[in-house]
């Protein structure tokens, strides 16, 4: 069915992750939660993420055919081969809808951050960096950080310190997460001549880079608490998840195998989920407990 093919172009799983990131940032900042506002934010983020994903499918359709992970994508298989340019129009419509919704239902600051997230993933990462340098995922990873800033701005555009600290943590999370995946997919990237870090320096040196980056990531985790933006609940919960992920990254240095890289990749998602949980628990659990007791 054509609609299923277009849905595949939207990368809905990534869209849900981006949407949840924005929602967590909103809940971390909002003094009072507005259901309609939260729903508008969620939909705008899904539309914006879908826009950049569709463009990514369009731009990378040539190298997608070369990689086992992506060769079944609609534009790579030829399922939409007669109308690949329609994907550009589809991406444009999704972008206008998402940014327009954010501007109308939220505010222009949230809309601007959403647009910048689309631009970073679609143009900075996909077009400018992905095929040129191993810095692709480091710089391009800022795309996800804009989801944090958009979500926080939707709640209160004047609050900036905590959102920027959270955005920095997400920025530092991306290389550890993606380099672990790149170790697993190194053969695919080498076949497509995409200069991901493990293709250039090998698994062992890439594993060391993951550990160094993970150390920086964990340091960033505790800065909001050190500056008084988050409290003890956050520190304890985030500290536990951080220790687990750092141990997994250290184990990868000792054993730079694909099995251990898979553990780091999956562990990075557990870590991020735990960090979201820590933020929400710190912000809302005391109030809930106060209401009960």
Protein backbone atom coordinates (compact mmCIF):
# COMPACT_ATOMS: atom_id res chain seq x y z
CA UNK A 1 0.00 0.00 0.00
CA UNK A 2 1.41 3.45 -0.93
CA UNK A 3 0.52 4.97 2.44
CA UNK A 4 2.61 2.31 4.18
CA UNK A 5 5.58 3.26 2.00
CA UNK A 6 5.19 6.92 2.87
CA UNK A 7 4.87 6.04 6.54
CA UNK A 8 8.16 4.13 6.28
CA UNK A 9 9.81 7.24 4.86
CA UNK A 10 8.80 9.09 8.06
CA UNK A 11 10.86 6.77 10.33
CA UNK A 12 8.11 6.72 12.97
CA UNK A 13 10.27 5.14 15.70
CA UNK A 14 12.75 8.00 15.50
CA UNK A 15 9.83 10.42 15.44
CA UNK A 16 8.44 9.00 18.67
CA UNK A 17 11.85 9.32 20.33
CA UNK A 18 12.19 12.95 19.24
CA UNK A 19 8.65 13.67 20.40
CA UNK A 20 9.26 12.10 23.82
CA UNK A 21 12.47 14.12 24.19
CA UNK A 22 10.54 17.34 23.61
CA UNK A 23 7.75 16.28 25.97
CA UNK A 24 10.23 15.52 28.77
CA UNK A 25 11.81 18.97 28.32
CA UNK A 26 8.35 20.54 28.38
CA UNK A 27 7.44 18.75 31.61
CA UNK A 28 10.79 19.72 33.15
CA UNK A 29 10.06 23.42 32.60
CA UNK A 30 6.27 23.88 32.61
CA UNK A 31 4.89 25.30 35.89
CA UNK A 32 1.47 23.98 34.87
CA UNK A 33 0.84 21.30 32.25
CA UNK A 34 -1.62 22.19 29.50
CA UNK A 35 -3.11 19.19 27.72
CA UNK A 36 -3.81 21.00 24.41
CA UNK A 37 -0.37 22.61 24.47
CA UNK A 38 1.32 19.28 25.13
CA UNK A 39 -0.68 17.61 22.35
CA UNK A 40 0.27 20.38 19.89
CA UNK A 41 3.94 19.99 20.85
CA UNK A 42 3.84 16.22 20.38
CA UNK A 43 2.20 16.48 16.96
CA UNK A 44 4.50 19.28 15.78
CA UNK A 45 7.58 17.28 16.77
CA UNK A 46 6.31 14.16 15.02
CA UNK A 47 5.67 16.15 11.83
CA UNK A 48 9.07 17.86 11.99
CA UNK A 49 10.95 14.63 12.59
CA UNK A 50 9.06 12.97 9.76
CA UNK A 51 10.01 15.82 7.42
CA UNK A 52 13.75 15.45 8.02
CA UNK A 53 13.50 11.65 7.82
CA UNK A 54 11.73 11.76 4.45
CA UNK A 55 14.41 14.09 3.11
CA UNK A 56 17.09 11.74 4.45
CA UNK A 57 15.48 8.84 2.56
CA UNK A 58 15.43 10.92 -0.61
CA UNK A 59 19.01 12.17 -0.41
CA UNK A 60 20.55 8.84 0.60
CA UNK A 61 18.60 6.60 -1.75
CA UNK A 62 21.76 5.82 -3.76
CA UNK A 63 23.87 4.61 -0.83
CA UNK A 64 20.86 2.99 0.85
CA UNK A 65 20.92 0.43 -1.97
CA UNK A 66 24.43 -0.59 -0.94
CA UNK A 67 23.75 -1.32 2.73
CA UNK A 68 21.97 -4.37 4.10
CA UNK A 69 20.25 -2.31 6.81
CA UNK A 70 18.72 0.16 4.34
CA UNK A 71 18.39 -1.63 1.02
CA UNK A 72 14.71 -2.39 1.67
CA UNK A 73 13.75 1.28 2.03
CA UNK A 74 11.06 2.35 -0.48
CA UNK A 75 13.21 4.75 -2.49
CA UNK A 76 16.12 2.30 -2.52
CA UNK A 77 14.08 -0.67 -3.72
CA UNK A 78 12.32 1.28 -6.43
CA UNK A 79 8.89 0.94 -4.84
CA UNK A 80 8.55 4.70 -5.35
CA UNK A 81 11.11 4.95 -8.12
CA UNK A 82 8.79 6.66 -10.59
CA UNK A 83 8.09 9.51 -8.21
CA UNK A 84 11.09 10.04 -5.89
CA UNK A 85 10.72 13.81 -6.23
CA UNK A 86 7.32 13.51 -4.56
CA UNK A 87 9.24 12.66 -1.41
CA UNK A 88 10.66 16.19 -1.45
CA UNK A 89 7.19 17.68 -1.64
CA UNK A 90 6.06 15.32 1.11
CA UNK A 91 8.97 16.45 3.28
CA UNK A 92 8.19 20.11 2.58
CA UNK A 93 4.51 19.69 3.48
CA UNK A 94 5.42 17.93 6.71
CA UNK A 95 7.91 20.67 7.61
CA UNK A 96 5.45 23.48 6.96
CA UNK A 97 2.74 21.66 8.90
CA UNK A 98 5.01 20.97 11.88
CA UNK A 99 6.66 24.37 12.11
CA UNK A 100 3.37 26.12 11.34
CA UNK A 101 1.58 24.21 14.09
CA UNK A 102 4.35 25.05 16.56
CA UNK A 103 4.19 28.73 15.65
CA UNK A 104 0.39 28.91 15.84
CA UNK A 105 -0.29 26.73 18.89
CA UNK A 106 2.93 27.27 20.88
CA UNK A 107 5.24 30.18 20.09
CA UNK A 108 7.84 31.30 17.56
CA UNK A 109 10.76 30.26 19.75
CA UNK A 110 9.56 26.65 19.83
CA UNK A 111 8.89 26.81 16.09
CA UNK A 112 12.39 28.15 15.40
CA UNK A 113 14.01 25.35 17.39
CA UNK A 114 11.91 22.78 15.57
CA UNK A 115 12.98 24.23 12.22
CA UNK A 116 16.64 24.20 13.27
CA UNK A 117 16.34 20.54 14.25
CA UNK A 118 14.94 19.71 10.81
CA UNK A 119 17.68 21.75 9.13
CA UNK A 120 20.50 20.15 11.11
CA UNK A 121 19.40 16.60 10.38
CA UNK A 122 18.34 17.16 6.80
CA UNK A 123 21.04 19.55 5.57
CA UNK A 124 23.94 19.76 8.04
CA UNK A 125 24.13 16.02 8.76
CA UNK A 126 22.65 14.35 5.66
CA UNK A 127 23.91 16.68 2.92
CA UNK A 128 27.02 18.41 4.25
CA UNK A 129 28.66 16.00 6.68
CA UNK A 130 27.56 12.38 6.39
CA UNK A 131 29.61 11.47 3.32
CA UNK A 132 32.53 13.81 4.02
CA UNK A 133 33.81 13.41 7.57
CA UNK A 134 33.68 11.28 10.71
CA UNK A 135 32.53 14.42 12.50
CA UNK A 136 29.17 13.82 10.80
CA UNK A 137 27.40 12.35 13.81
CA UNK A 138 29.18 14.63 16.31
CA UNK A 139 28.02 17.87 14.72
CA UNK A 140 24.87 16.47 13.14
CA UNK A 141 23.85 15.09 16.51
CA UNK A 142 22.84 18.61 17.50
CA UNK A 143 19.60 17.91 15.62
CA UNK A 144 18.27 15.97 18.59
CA UNK A 145 19.27 18.70 21.02
CA UNK A 146 16.90 21.10 19.32
CA UNK A 147 14.02 18.84 20.38
CA UNK A 148 14.90 19.62 24.00
CA UNK A 149 15.01 23.34 23.30
CA UNK A 150 11.73 23.24 21.37
CA UNK A 151 9.95 21.37 24.15
CA UNK A 152 11.20 23.71 26.86
CA UNK A 153 10.39 26.80 24.80
CA UNK A 154 6.85 25.52 24.31
CA UNK A 155 6.42 25.65 28.09
CA UNK A 156 8.29 28.88 28.80
CA UNK A 157 10.63 30.57 26.28
CA UNK A 158 12.24 32.63 29.06
CA UNK A 159 13.68 29.57 30.83
CA UNK A 160 17.03 28.75 29.26
CA UNK A 161 19.62 27.27 31.66
CA UNK A 162 18.13 23.83 32.34
CA UNK A 163 17.04 23.30 28.70
CA UNK A 164 20.53 24.14 27.42
CA UNK A 165 22.14 21.82 29.98
CA UNK A 166 19.77 19.02 28.96
CA UNK A 167 20.44 19.75 25.29
CA UNK A 168 24.19 19.53 25.93
CA UNK A 169 23.77 16.13 27.56
CA UNK A 170 21.76 14.87 24.60
CA UNK A 171 24.41 16.27 22.25
CA UNK A 172 27.11 14.28 24.09
CA UNK A 173 24.92 11.17 24.22
CA UNK A 174 24.64 10.92 20.45
CA UNK A 175 28.26 9.97 19.55
CA UNK A 176 28.46 7.17 22.14
CA UNK A 177 25.11 5.82 20.96
CA UNK A 178 25.82 6.08 17.25
CA UNK A 179 29.47 5.00 17.26
CA UNK A 180 28.43 1.78 19.01
CA UNK A 181 25.88 1.24 16.25
CA UNK A 182 28.51 2.10 13.64
CA UNK A 183 30.74 -0.71 14.95
CA UNK A 184 27.85 -3.10 14.36
CA UNK A 185 27.25 -1.70 10.88
CA UNK A 186 30.88 -1.04 9.93
CA UNK A 187 30.77 -3.32 6.88
CA UNK A 188 27.67 -1.57 5.58
CA UNK A 189 29.20 1.88 5.97
CA UNK A 190 32.45 0.75 4.37
CA UNK A 191 30.50 -0.67 1.40
CA UNK A 192 28.73 2.68 0.95
CA UNK A 193 31.96 4.65 1.61
CA UNK A 194 30.42 6.56 4.49
CA UNK A 195 33.30 7.70 6.76
CA UNK A 196 31.95 6.56 10.12
CA UNK A 197 34.60 6.49 12.84
CA UNK A 198 35.12 2.70 13.14
CA UNK A 199 35.62 2.47 9.36
CA UNK A 200 38.51 4.93 9.62
CA UNK A 201 40.26 3.96 12.87
CA UNK A 202 39.04 0.44 13.64
CA UNK A 203 36.86 -0.93 16.41
CA UNK A 204 39.46 -0.70 19.21
CA UNK A 205 40.22 2.99 18.76
CA UNK A 206 36.54 3.76 18.21
CA UNK A 207 35.78 2.00 21.49
CA UNK A 208 38.26 4.28 23.27
CA UNK A 209 36.57 7.29 21.69
CA UNK A 210 33.23 6.01 22.99
CA UNK A 211 34.66 5.74 26.51
CA UNK A 212 36.12 9.27 26.41
CA UNK A 213 32.86 10.65 25.08
CA UNK A 214 30.88 8.71 27.70
CA UNK A 215 33.03 10.24 30.44
CA UNK A 216 32.19 13.71 29.14
CA UNK A 217 28.55 12.67 28.90
CA UNK A 218 28.43 11.54 32.52
CA UNK A 219 30.08 14.79 33.67
CA UNK A 220 27.38 16.74 31.83
CA UNK A 221 24.69 14.68 33.57
CA UNK A 222 25.62 16.09 36.99
CA UNK A 223 25.99 19.75 36.01
CA UNK A 224 22.24 20.55 36.36
CA UNK A 225 22.32 19.27 39.93
CA UNK A 226 25.58 21.11 40.69
CA UNK A 227 23.98 24.37 39.53
CA UNK A 228 20.82 23.76 41.52
CA UNK A 229 18.56 23.21 38.51
CA UNK A 230 17.71 19.65 39.59
CA UNK A 231 17.85 17.97 42.97
CA UNK A 232 18.67 14.84 44.93
CA UNK A 233 16.18 12.54 43.23
CA UNK A 234 17.66 13.38 39.85
CA UNK A 235 21.20 12.94 41.15
CA UNK A 236 20.53 9.49 42.59
CA UNK A 237 18.53 8.12 39.66
CA UNK A 238 20.72 9.64 36.94
CA UNK A 239 23.83 8.59 38.86
CA UNK A 240 22.77 4.96 38.85
CA UNK A 241 22.07 4.89 35.12
CA UNK A 242 25.27 6.83 34.41
CA UNK A 243 27.41 4.35 36.38
CA UNK A 244 25.90 1.44 34.47
CA UNK A 245 26.48 3.03 31.07
CA UNK A 246 30.02 4.09 31.93
CA UNK A 247 30.82 0.53 33.01
CA UNK A 248 29.44 -0.78 29.70
CA UNK A 249 31.61 1.70 27.78
CA UNK A 250 34.69 0.66 29.79
CA UNK A 251 33.92 -3.01 29.06
CA UNK A 252 33.81 -2.18 25.36
CA UNK A 253 37.37 -0.85 25.60
CA UNK A 254 38.45 -4.12 27.18
CA UNK A 255 36.53 -6.17 24.62
CA UNK A 256 35.89 -4.19 21.40
CA UNK A 257 33.66 -6.90 19.96
CA UNK A 258 30.36 -6.52 18.20
CA UNK A 259 28.55 -8.27 21.05
CA UNK A 260 29.84 -5.68 23.51
CA UNK A 261 29.14 -2.86 21.06
CA UNK A 262 25.56 -4.08 20.91
CA UNK A 263 25.37 -3.92 24.69
CA UNK A 264 26.63 -0.33 24.62
CA UNK A 265 24.18 0.59 21.87
CA UNK A 266 21.21 -0.88 23.75
CA UNK A 267 22.60 0.44 27.03
CA UNK A 268 22.70 3.96 25.62
CA UNK A 269 18.96 3.83 25.05
CA UNK A 270 18.39 2.50 28.58
CA UNK A 271 20.62 5.32 29.86
CA UNK A 272 18.65 8.00 28.01
CA UNK A 273 15.35 6.57 29.22
CA UNK A 274 16.72 6.56 32.77
CA UNK A 275 17.82 10.17 32.40
CA UNK A 276 14.33 11.17 31.27
CA UNK A 277 12.90 9.28 34.24
CA UNK A 278 15.31 11.07 36.58
CA UNK A 279 14.27 14.50 35.31
CA UNK A 280 10.55 13.77 35.55
CA UNK A 281 10.86 12.14 38.97
CA UNK A 282 12.82 15.08 40.35
CA UNK A 283 10.36 17.61 38.98
CA UNK A 284 7.07 15.89 39.76
CA UNK A 285 7.47 13.08 42.31
CA UNK A 286 7.75 15.37 45.38
CA UNK A 287 4.52 17.14 44.42
CA UNK A 288 2.72 13.85 43.85
CA UNK A 289 3.88 12.50 47.19
CA UNK A 290 2.88 15.72 48.91
CA UNK A 291 -0.57 15.43 47.40
CA UNK A 292 -0.93 11.84 48.66
CA UNK A 293 0.48 12.38 52.13
